[in-house]
Amino acid sequence: MIKYFNLYWEGQVNVLLNASDVQSILQTSATSTVIGYSSRAAADKITLTHASDASEKAVQSFLVNELKSLMSNPYTNSAPEINLPFAITSVPTIG
């Protein structure tokens, strides 16, 4: 069974991302965090754009901790809603 990041996005439909297959989470700037699924393919990465985080580590740390929590809990709630500490401003569309 797959678990998901169910990211709250104010004023938009929540962002549902596969958490079970995440291989990396890297905050690349104050406003961008990349969730990687395969280190070999650029298409297997999703870049979340969010409000500015001066530390350039808070969103990455938050998502890593949420991933740990999600994976250590039973499947009774495989997609709990997650509120990032900095508002999401953009998510790439797929399709």
Protein backbone atom coordinates (compact mmCIF):
# COMPACT_ATOMS: atom_id res chain seq x y z
CA MET A 1 0.00 0.00 0.00
CA ILE A 2 1.28 3.45 -0.91
CA LYS A 3 1.51 6.40 1.48
CA TYR A 4 1.20 9.99 0.33
CA PHE A 5 2.18 13.52 1.24
CA ASN A 6 -1.17 15.34 1.26
CA LEU A 7 0.12 18.92 1.21
CA TYR A 8 -2.24 21.72 2.10
CA TRP A 9 -2.19 24.49 -0.51
CA GLU A 10 -4.31 27.47 0.53
CA GLY A 11 -6.95 28.38 -2.02
CA GLN A 12 -6.10 25.36 -4.21
CA VAL A 13 -6.75 21.64 -4.27
CA ASN A 14 -4.33 19.85 -1.92
CA VAL A 15 -1.18 18.44 -3.52
CA LEU A 16 -1.02 14.65 -3.28
CA LEU A 17 2.49 13.23 -3.79
CA ASN A 18 3.68 9.64 -3.49
CA ALA A 19 5.73 9.42 -0.27
CA SER A 20 6.46 5.69 -0.44
CA ASP A 21 8.95 6.03 -3.30
CA VAL A 22 10.76 9.20 -2.20
CA GLN A 23 14.53 8.84 -2.50
CA SER A 24 15.58 12.39 -1.65
CA ILE A 25 14.32 15.70 -0.32
CA LEU A 26 16.57 18.69 -0.93
CA GLN A 27 15.84 22.35 -0.34
CA THR A 28 17.77 24.01 -3.16
CA SER A 29 17.04 27.63 -2.24
CA ALA A 30 14.99 29.77 0.12
CA THR A 31 11.93 29.21 -2.08
CA SER A 32 12.42 25.77 -3.71
CA THR A 33 12.44 22.21 -2.42
CA VAL A 34 12.99 19.21 -4.71
CA ILE A 35 11.45 15.82 -3.96
CA GLY A 36 13.32 13.16 -5.91
CA TYR A 37 12.10 9.74 -6.92
CA SER A 38 15.04 8.65 -9.11
CA SER A 39 18.46 10.24 -9.19
CA ARG A 40 18.86 9.33 -12.88
CA ALA A 41 15.82 11.01 -14.41
CA ALA A 42 15.00 14.72 -14.22
CA ALA A 43 11.34 13.84 -14.84
CA ASP A 44 11.31 11.89 -11.57
CA LYS A 45 11.69 15.04 -9.50
CA ILE A 46 9.07 17.48 -8.30
CA THR A 47 10.01 21.03 -7.35
CA LEU A 48 7.77 22.68 -4.78
CA THR A 49 7.97 26.45 -4.78
CA HIS A 50 7.09 27.99 -1.44
CA ALA A 51 7.25 31.19 0.56
CA SER A 52 10.78 32.26 1.41
CA ASP A 53 12.61 30.40 4.16
CA ALA A 54 15.67 32.41 5.19
CA SER A 55 17.34 29.35 6.76
CA GLU A 56 17.02 27.41 3.48
CA LYS A 57 16.58 24.23 5.55
CA ALA A 58 13.23 24.44 7.34
CA VAL A 59 11.04 23.00 4.57
CA GLN A 60 13.50 20.18 3.85
CA SER A 61 13.72 19.29 7.56
CA PHE A 62 9.97 19.47 7.93
CA LEU A 63 9.34 17.13 4.97
CA VAL A 64 12.01 14.66 6.11
CA ASN A 65 10.43 14.52 9.57
CA GLU A 66 6.95 14.11 8.06
CA LEU A 67 8.24 11.29 5.85
CA LYS A 68 9.73 9.51 8.87
CA SER A 69 6.47 9.88 10.77
CA LEU A 70 4.33 8.79 7.84
CA MET A 71 6.41 5.68 7.17
CA SER A 72 6.47 4.62 10.82
CA ASN A 73 2.67 4.80 11.25
CA PRO A 74 0.12 2.17 10.17
CA TYR A 75 -1.79 2.44 6.90
CA THR A 76 -5.04 3.49 8.57
CA ASN A 77 -4.38 7.05 7.43
CA SER A 78 -2.08 6.77 4.41
CA ALA A 79 -2.48 10.43 3.37
CA PRO A 80 -2.82 12.75 6.37
CA GLU A 81 -3.03 16.46 5.55
CA ILE A 82 0.31 18.22 6.04
CA ASN A 83 0.71 21.98 6.47
CA LEU A 84 4.17 23.16 5.41
CA PRO A 85 5.74 25.84 7.64
CA PHE A 86 5.94 28.06 4.54
CA ALA A 87 3.02 28.42 2.12
CA ILE A 88 3.19 26.57 -1.20
CA THR A 89 3.18 29.03 -4.10
CA SER A 90 3.63 26.69 -7.08
CA VAL A 91 3.66 23.02 -8.01
CA PRO A 92 4.37 21.82 -11.56
CA THR A 93 1.41 20.40 -13.42
CA ILE A 94 1.70 16.93 -14.83
CA GLY A 95 -0.21 15.66 -17.82
